[in-house]
């Protein structure tokens, strides 16, 4: 069994790390003040229209015309 020797030519680790920049922009606290001014509530309501058309109690007369009952039965077929 032929095994190649392990290559130990590894580059050294670069420890030259740039310093962390901790400069943060200042927070802008120039906020407009909250306005509590509310428009006044309008209580003007349109008058209620109470003009109704009169209710009609006229009902069409009931028709009592009845058609006679038909008792016609088809004849029974007893063909064998």
Protein backbone atom coordinates (compact mmCIF):
# COMPACT_ATOMS: atom_id res chain seq x y z
CA UNK A 1 0.00 0.00 0.00
CA UNK A 2 1.52 3.31 -1.11
CA UNK A 3 0.53 6.28 1.05
CA UNK A 4 1.73 9.77 0.24
CA UNK A 5 3.33 11.63 3.11
CA UNK A 6 1.22 14.35 4.77
CA UNK A 7 2.01 17.86 3.45
CA UNK A 8 2.72 20.04 6.49
CA UNK A 9 3.60 23.19 4.51
CA UNK A 10 0.77 25.30 5.91
CA UNK A 11 0.79 29.09 5.69
CA UNK A 12 0.83 30.78 9.08
CA UNK A 13 -2.37 32.32 10.33
CA UNK A 14 -2.61 36.08 9.68
CA UNK A 15 -3.40 37.76 12.98
CA UNK A 16 -3.32 41.29 11.54
CA UNK A 17 -6.99 42.16 12.15
CA UNK A 18 -8.29 45.68 11.61
CA UNK A 19 -9.69 47.25 14.78
CA UNK A 20 -13.46 47.38 15.10
CA UNK A 21 -14.96 50.80 14.27
CA UNK A 22 -17.18 51.79 17.19
CA UNK A 23 -18.07 55.24 15.84
CA UNK A 24 -21.86 55.38 15.73
CA UNK A 25 -23.83 58.29 14.30
CA UNK A 26 -25.64 60.19 17.06
CA UNK A 27 -29.35 59.48 17.44
CA UNK A 28 -31.57 62.23 16.01
CA UNK A 29 -33.94 63.26 18.78
CA UNK A 30 -35.48 66.18 16.87
CA UNK A 31 -39.00 64.81 16.95
CA UNK A 32 -42.02 66.99 16.31
CA UNK A 33 -44.22 67.29 19.40
CA UNK A 34 -47.41 65.23 19.45
CA UNK A 35 -50.51 67.35 18.85
CA UNK A 36 -53.51 66.74 21.05
CA UNK A 37 -55.68 69.21 19.15
CA UNK A 38 -58.85 67.41 18.07
CA UNK A 39 -61.47 68.93 15.80
CA UNK A 40 -64.70 69.62 17.71
CA UNK A 41 -67.48 67.09 17.25
CA UNK A 42 -70.39 68.35 15.17
CA UNK A 43 -73.74 67.52 16.73
CA UNK A 44 -75.76 68.91 13.83
CA UNK A 45 -78.10 66.14 12.69
CA UNK A 46 -80.44 66.38 9.72
CA UNK A 47 -84.11 66.35 10.81
CA UNK A 48 -85.89 63.03 10.52
CA UNK A 49 -88.39 62.84 7.66
CA UNK A 50 -91.65 61.62 9.17
CA UNK A 51 -93.78 62.09 6.03
CA UNK A 52 -94.96 58.58 5.18
CA UNK A 53 -97.43 57.54 2.55
CA UNK A 54 -100.61 56.17 4.15
CA UNK A 55 -100.70 52.41 4.56
CA UNK A 56 -103.22 50.73 2.26
CA UNK A 57 -105.40 47.94 3.66
CA UNK A 58 -107.00 47.19 0.31
CA UNK A 59 -106.62 43.49 -0.36
CA UNK A 60 -107.63 41.79 -3.60
CA UNK A 61 -110.67 39.56 -3.06
CA UNK A 62 -109.97 35.86 -2.63
CA UNK A 63 -111.09 33.69 -5.52
CA UNK A 64 -113.09 30.62 -4.47
CA UNK A 65 -113.33 29.12 -7.93
CA UNK A 66 -112.20 25.49 -7.75
CA UNK A 67 -111.67 23.20 -10.72
CA UNK A 68 -113.39 19.81 -10.46
CA UNK A 69 -111.18 16.89 -9.47
CA UNK A 70 -110.44 14.47 -12.29
CA UNK A 71 -110.70 10.77 -11.38
CA UNK A 72 -109.74 9.43 -14.79
CA UNK A 73 -107.49 6.39 -14.42
CA UNK A 74 -105.64 4.72 -17.27
CA UNK A 75 -106.94 1.18 -17.88
CA UNK A 76 -104.82 -1.60 -16.45
CA UNK A 77 -103.15 -3.77 -19.04
CA UNK A 78 -103.12 -7.53 -18.23
CA UNK A 79 -101.44 -8.85 -21.39
CA UNK A 80 -99.41 -12.03 -20.84
